[in-house]
Amino acid sequence: MKDHKTIWACFIIGIIAFAYPAWQISQRGPVVETTNFHMTPSTVKPGQVIEAVWTDKTLRTGCEGTVYRRFVGTQKGERAVWVFAPIPTVHHGKIGEVETFHSLWRAPRADPGTEVMLQKFPKRSCGFWQSFFPMHDGPQEARFTVE
C-alpha cells in the first residue's frame, strides 16, 4: 500500500496537469465589445475606396487571434462572395479602454443597386491551451450599397 504522501503528490500533480488547462480553456468571455461597425460612405460605385469603421472596448487582455473577412452581395444576378486573406486581430489597450479602428477597402464589382455586406469572423485565444479551442466572435456585419 502506498503511503499517503505519494497519493497526495499524485493527486496534486493530476490537478495541475488537468485542472489548469481545463480552467484556461473554459474562460470563454468576450475579449472586446464591438459597437458602431459601419461602412463609409454607405453608397459607393464599384471599385471605389470605402472605409470600415468600428469601435472596440477592451474587456480582456493577452488574447491573440485571426480575423476572417468577406464581402457578400450579388454579381450577374447570382449570390457572390469575395473572400479575403485572414489577418491577425488588432492589439487592444488596457481593460476598459475604448478605441476606434479604420480599414480601407475597394468596393466589389457587384450588380448596381446591390446591398453588399462586409462580414468579419474573429477567432481568438487567450493562452496556450485555449489556442486549441479558439473563441468565435461574430459574425460582425456592416452593409453598404453599390450604385
C-alpha atoms as a PDB file:
ATOM      1  CA  MET A   1       0.000   0.000   0.000  1.00  0.00           C
ATOM      2  CA  LYS A   2       1.321   3.411  -0.959  1.00  0.00           C
ATOM      3  CA  ASP A   3       1.880   5.975   1.710  1.00  0.00           C
ATOM      4  CA  HIS A   4      -0.399   8.999   1.983  1.00  0.00           C
ATOM      5  CA  LYS A   5       2.263  11.481   0.827  1.00  0.00           C
ATOM      6  CA  THR A   6       2.630   9.685  -2.506  1.00  0.00           C
ATOM      7  CA  ILE A   7      -1.140   9.603  -3.005  1.00  0.00           C
ATOM      8  CA  TRP A   8      -1.422  13.320  -2.230  1.00  0.00           C
ATOM      9  CA  ALA A   9       1.506  14.155  -4.536  1.00  0.00           C
ATOM     10  CA  CYS A  10      -0.140  12.227  -7.396  1.00  0.00           C
ATOM     11  CA  PHE A  11      -3.462  13.947  -6.677  1.00  0.00           C
ATOM     12  CA  ILE A  12      -1.876  17.436  -6.761  1.00  0.00           C
ATOM     13  CA  ILE A  13       0.078  16.671  -9.941  1.00  0.00           C
ATOM     14  CA  GLY A  14      -3.149  15.410 -11.538  1.00  0.00           C
ATOM     15  CA  ILE A  15      -4.991  18.583 -10.543  1.00  0.00           C
ATOM     16  CA  ILE A  16      -2.239  20.748 -12.019  1.00  0.00           C
ATOM     17  CA  ALA A  17      -1.995  18.686 -15.211  1.00  0.00           C
ATOM     18  CA  PHE A  18      -5.768  18.585 -15.821  1.00  0.00           C
ATOM     19  CA  ALA A  19      -7.498  21.367 -13.921  1.00  0.00           C
ATOM     20  CA  TYR A  20      -5.362  24.304 -15.043  1.00  0.00           C
ATOM     21  CA  PRO A  21      -5.679  23.575 -18.795  1.00  0.00           C
ATOM     22  CA  ALA A  22      -9.409  22.855 -18.337  1.00  0.00           C
ATOM     23  CA  TRP A  23      -9.868  26.155 -16.475  1.00  0.00           C
ATOM     24  CA  GLN A  24      -7.964  28.094 -19.136  1.00  0.00           C
ATOM     25  CA  ILE A  25      -9.987  26.532 -21.975  1.00  0.00           C
ATOM     26  CA  SER A  26     -13.258  27.284 -20.149  1.00  0.00           C
ATOM     27  CA  GLN A  27     -12.564  31.046 -19.857  1.00  0.00           C
ATOM     28  CA  ARG A  28     -14.724  31.998 -22.862  1.00  0.00           C
ATOM     29  CA  GLY A  29     -15.831  35.544 -22.033  1.00  0.00           C
ATOM     30  CA  PRO A  30     -15.627  38.150 -24.803  1.00  0.00           C
ATOM     31  CA  VAL A  31     -12.313  39.917 -25.387  1.00  0.00           C
ATOM     32  CA  VAL A  32     -13.816  43.117 -26.775  1.00  0.00           C
ATOM     33  CA  GLU A  33     -17.214  44.738 -27.122  1.00  0.00           C
ATOM     34  CA  THR A  34     -17.592  45.978 -30.701  1.00  0.00           C
ATOM     35  CA  THR A  35     -20.010  48.801 -31.461  1.00  0.00           C
ATOM     36  CA  ASN A  36     -20.712  51.201 -34.310  1.00  0.00           C
ATOM     37  CA  PHE A  37     -19.420  48.865 -37.044  1.00  0.00           C
ATOM     38  CA  HIS A  38     -20.265  50.566 -40.337  1.00  0.00           C
ATOM     39  CA  MET A  39     -19.007  51.409 -43.819  1.00  0.00           C
ATOM     40  CA  THR A  40     -18.454  54.953 -45.016  1.00  0.00           C
ATOM     41  CA  PRO A  41     -19.690  56.151 -47.388  1.00  0.00           C
ATOM     42  CA  SER A  42     -22.764  53.928 -47.342  1.00  0.00           C
ATOM     43  CA  THR A  43     -23.384  54.211 -51.110  1.00  0.00           C
ATOM     44  CA  VAL A  44     -20.451  53.654 -53.466  1.00  0.00           C
ATOM     45  CA  LYS A  45     -19.514  52.953 -57.071  1.00  0.00           C
ATOM     46  CA  PRO A  46     -17.857  49.626 -57.986  1.00  0.00           C
ATOM     47  CA  GLY A  47     -14.117  49.873 -57.349  1.00  0.00           C
ATOM     48  CA  GLN A  48     -14.444  52.955 -55.108  1.00  0.00           C
ATOM     49  CA  VAL A  49     -12.385  53.079 -51.923  1.00  0.00           C
ATOM     50  CA  ILE A  50     -14.577  52.606 -48.868  1.00  0.00           C
ATOM     51  CA  GLU A  51     -13.743  52.588 -45.178  1.00  0.00           C
ATOM     52  CA  ALA A  52     -14.840  50.165 -42.476  1.00  0.00           C
ATOM     53  CA  VAL A  53     -15.072  51.844 -39.051  1.00  0.00           C
ATOM     54  CA  TRP A  54     -15.732  50.206 -35.683  1.00  0.00           C
ATOM     55  CA  THR A  55     -15.244  50.895 -32.003  1.00  0.00           C
ATOM     56  CA  ASP A  56     -13.916  48.312 -29.547  1.00  0.00           C
ATOM     57  CA  LYS A  57     -13.973  48.414 -25.761  1.00  0.00           C
ATOM     58  CA  THR A  58     -11.328  46.120 -24.266  1.00  0.00           C
ATOM     59  CA  LEU A  59     -12.790  43.575 -21.848  1.00  0.00           C
ATOM     60  CA  ARG A  60      -9.775  41.189 -21.573  1.00  0.00           C
ATOM     61  CA  THR A  61      -6.091  41.456 -22.431  1.00  0.00           C
ATOM     62  CA  GLY A  62      -3.455  38.950 -23.500  1.00  0.00           C
ATOM     63  CA  CYS A  63      -5.534  37.440 -26.291  1.00  0.00           C
ATOM     64  CA  GLU A  64      -4.422  36.804 -29.867  1.00  0.00           C
ATOM     65  CA  GLY A  65      -6.388  35.775 -32.887  1.00  0.00           C
ATOM     66  CA  THR A  66      -7.216  35.839 -36.563  1.00  0.00           C
ATOM     67  CA  VAL A  67      -9.952  37.700 -38.434  1.00  0.00           C
ATOM     68  CA  TYR A  68     -11.596  36.076 -41.437  1.00  0.00           C
ATOM     69  CA  ARG A  69     -13.276  38.618 -43.751  1.00  0.00           C
ATOM     70  CA  ARG A  70     -15.507  38.605 -46.797  1.00  0.00           C
ATOM     71  CA  PHE A  71     -17.962  40.634 -48.856  1.00  0.00           C
ATOM     72  CA  VAL A  72     -21.335  39.066 -49.654  1.00  0.00           C
ATOM     73  CA  GLY A  73     -23.544  40.502 -52.424  1.00  0.00           C
ATOM     74  CA  THR A  74     -24.711  39.712 -55.955  1.00  0.00           C
ATOM     75  CA  GLN A  75     -22.845  39.749 -59.241  1.00  0.00           C
ATOM     76  CA  LYS A  76     -24.506  38.986 -62.587  1.00  0.00           C
ATOM     77  CA  GLY A  77     -27.705  38.119 -60.752  1.00  0.00           C
ATOM     78  CA  GLU A  78     -26.054  35.418 -58.630  1.00  0.00           C
ATOM     79  CA  ARG A  79     -25.031  35.426 -54.972  1.00  0.00           C
ATOM     80  CA  ALA A  80     -21.357  36.367 -54.848  1.00  0.00           C
ATOM     81  CA  VAL A  81     -18.810  36.037 -52.068  1.00  0.00           C
ATOM     82  CA  TRP A  82     -15.457  37.826 -52.179  1.00  0.00           C
ATOM     83  CA  VAL A  83     -13.119  36.215 -49.630  1.00  0.00           C
ATOM     84  CA  PHE A  84     -10.018  37.990 -48.313  1.00  0.00           C
ATOM     85  CA  ALA A  85      -6.879  36.601 -46.701  1.00  0.00           C
ATOM     86  CA  PRO A  86      -7.106  36.218 -42.906  1.00  0.00           C
ATOM     87  CA  ILE A  87      -5.282  38.823 -40.819  1.00  0.00           C
ATOM     88  CA  PRO A  88      -4.212  38.988 -37.158  1.00  0.00           C
ATOM     89  CA  THR A  89      -6.597  40.670 -34.723  1.00  0.00           C
ATOM     90  CA  VAL A  90      -5.644  44.166 -33.616  1.00  0.00           C
ATOM     91  CA  HIS A  91      -3.860  44.588 -30.290  1.00  0.00           C
ATOM     92  CA  HIS A  92      -6.076  46.286 -27.761  1.00  0.00           C
ATOM     93  CA  GLY A  93      -5.206  48.584 -24.903  1.00  0.00           C
ATOM     94  CA  LYS A  94      -5.924  48.271 -21.211  1.00  0.00           C
ATOM     95  CA  ILE A  95      -9.184  46.854 -19.877  1.00  0.00           C
ATOM     96  CA  GLY A  96     -11.941  49.430 -20.252  1.00  0.00           C
ATOM     97  CA  GLU A  97     -10.097  51.377 -22.956  1.00  0.00           C
ATOM     98  CA  VAL A  98     -12.208  52.358 -25.992  1.00  0.00           C
ATOM     99  CA  GLU A  99     -10.555  52.627 -29.415  1.00  0.00           C
ATOM    100  CA  THR A 100     -11.879  53.315 -32.899  1.00  0.00           C
ATOM    101  CA  PHE A 101     -10.395  51.419 -35.842  1.00  0.00           C
ATOM    102  CA  HIS A 102     -10.455  52.121 -39.593  1.00  0.00           C
ATOM    103  CA  SER A 103      -9.621  49.878 -42.547  1.00  0.00           C
ATOM    104  CA  LEU A 104      -9.761  50.743 -46.233  1.00  0.00           C
ATOM    105  CA  TRP A 105     -11.450  48.528 -48.821  1.00  0.00           C
ATOM    106  CA  ARG A 106     -12.225  48.659 -52.511  1.00  0.00           C
ATOM    107  CA  ALA A 107     -15.931  48.152 -53.244  1.00  0.00           C
ATOM    108  CA  PRO A 108     -16.512  44.980 -55.279  1.00  0.00           C
ATOM    109  CA  ARG A 109     -17.848  44.931 -58.839  1.00  0.00           C
ATOM    110  CA  ALA A 110     -21.319  43.991 -57.637  1.00  0.00           C
ATOM    111  CA  ASP A 111     -24.585  44.488 -59.539  1.00  0.00           C
ATOM    112  CA  PRO A 112     -25.934  48.073 -59.436  1.00  0.00           C
ATOM    113  CA  GLY A 113     -28.317  48.590 -56.521  1.00  0.00           C
ATOM    114  CA  THR A 114     -26.877  45.621 -54.623  1.00  0.00           C
ATOM    115  CA  GLU A 115     -26.549  45.761 -50.872  1.00  0.00           C
ATOM    116  CA  VAL A 116     -23.160  44.310 -50.012  1.00  0.00           C
ATOM    117  CA  MET A 117     -22.230  43.115 -46.555  1.00  0.00           C
ATOM    118  CA  LEU A 118     -18.735  43.089 -45.081  1.00  0.00           C
ATOM    119  CA  GLN A 119     -18.563  40.207 -42.613  1.00  0.00           C
ATOM    120  CA  LYS A 120     -15.801  39.722 -40.050  1.00  0.00           C
ATOM    121  CA  PHE A 121     -15.352  36.443 -38.179  1.00  0.00           C
ATOM    122  CA  PRO A 122     -12.736  36.915 -35.421  1.00  0.00           C
ATOM    123  CA  LYS A 123     -11.349  33.816 -33.685  1.00  0.00           C
ATOM    124  CA  ARG A 124      -9.330  34.461 -30.529  1.00  0.00           C
ATOM    125  CA  SER A 125      -7.482  32.555 -27.866  1.00  0.00           C
ATOM    126  CA  CYS A 126      -6.264  33.715 -24.505  1.00  0.00           C
ATOM    127  CA  GLY A 127      -3.363  31.445 -23.657  1.00  0.00           C
ATOM    128  CA  PHE A 128      -1.705  28.286 -24.936  1.00  0.00           C
ATOM    129  CA  TRP A 129      -4.398  25.749 -24.064  1.00  0.00           C
ATOM    130  CA  GLN A 130      -7.218  27.865 -25.457  1.00  0.00           C
ATOM    131  CA  SER A 131      -5.426  28.077 -28.828  1.00  0.00           C
ATOM    132  CA  PHE A 132      -6.650  24.513 -29.433  1.00  0.00           C
ATOM    133  CA  PHE A 133     -10.278  25.661 -28.974  1.00  0.00           C
ATOM    134  CA  PRO A 134     -10.415  29.354 -30.027  1.00  0.00           C
ATOM    135  CA  MET A 135     -13.384  31.576 -29.234  1.00  0.00           C
ATOM    136  CA  HIS A 136     -15.540  32.760 -32.133  1.00  0.00           C
ATOM    137  CA  ASP A 137     -16.677  36.403 -32.129  1.00  0.00           C
ATOM    138  CA  GLY A 138     -19.218  37.082 -34.763  1.00  0.00           C
ATOM    139  CA  PRO A 139     -20.061  37.348 -37.401  1.00  0.00           C
ATOM    140  CA  GLN A 140     -19.839  41.120 -37.273  1.00  0.00           C
ATOM    141  CA  GLU A 141     -21.536  42.787 -40.242  1.00  0.00           C
ATOM    142  CA  ALA A 142     -21.546  46.213 -41.921  1.00  0.00           C
ATOM    143  CA  ARG A 143     -23.559  46.985 -45.051  1.00  0.00           C
ATOM    144  CA  PHE A 144     -23.237  49.368 -47.979  1.00  0.00           C
ATOM    145  CA  THR A 145     -24.912  49.748 -51.366  1.00  0.00           C
ATOM    146  CA  VAL A 146     -23.186  49.619 -54.764  1.00  0.00           C
ATOM    147  CA  GLU A 147     -24.838  52.062 -57.209  1.00  0.00           C
END
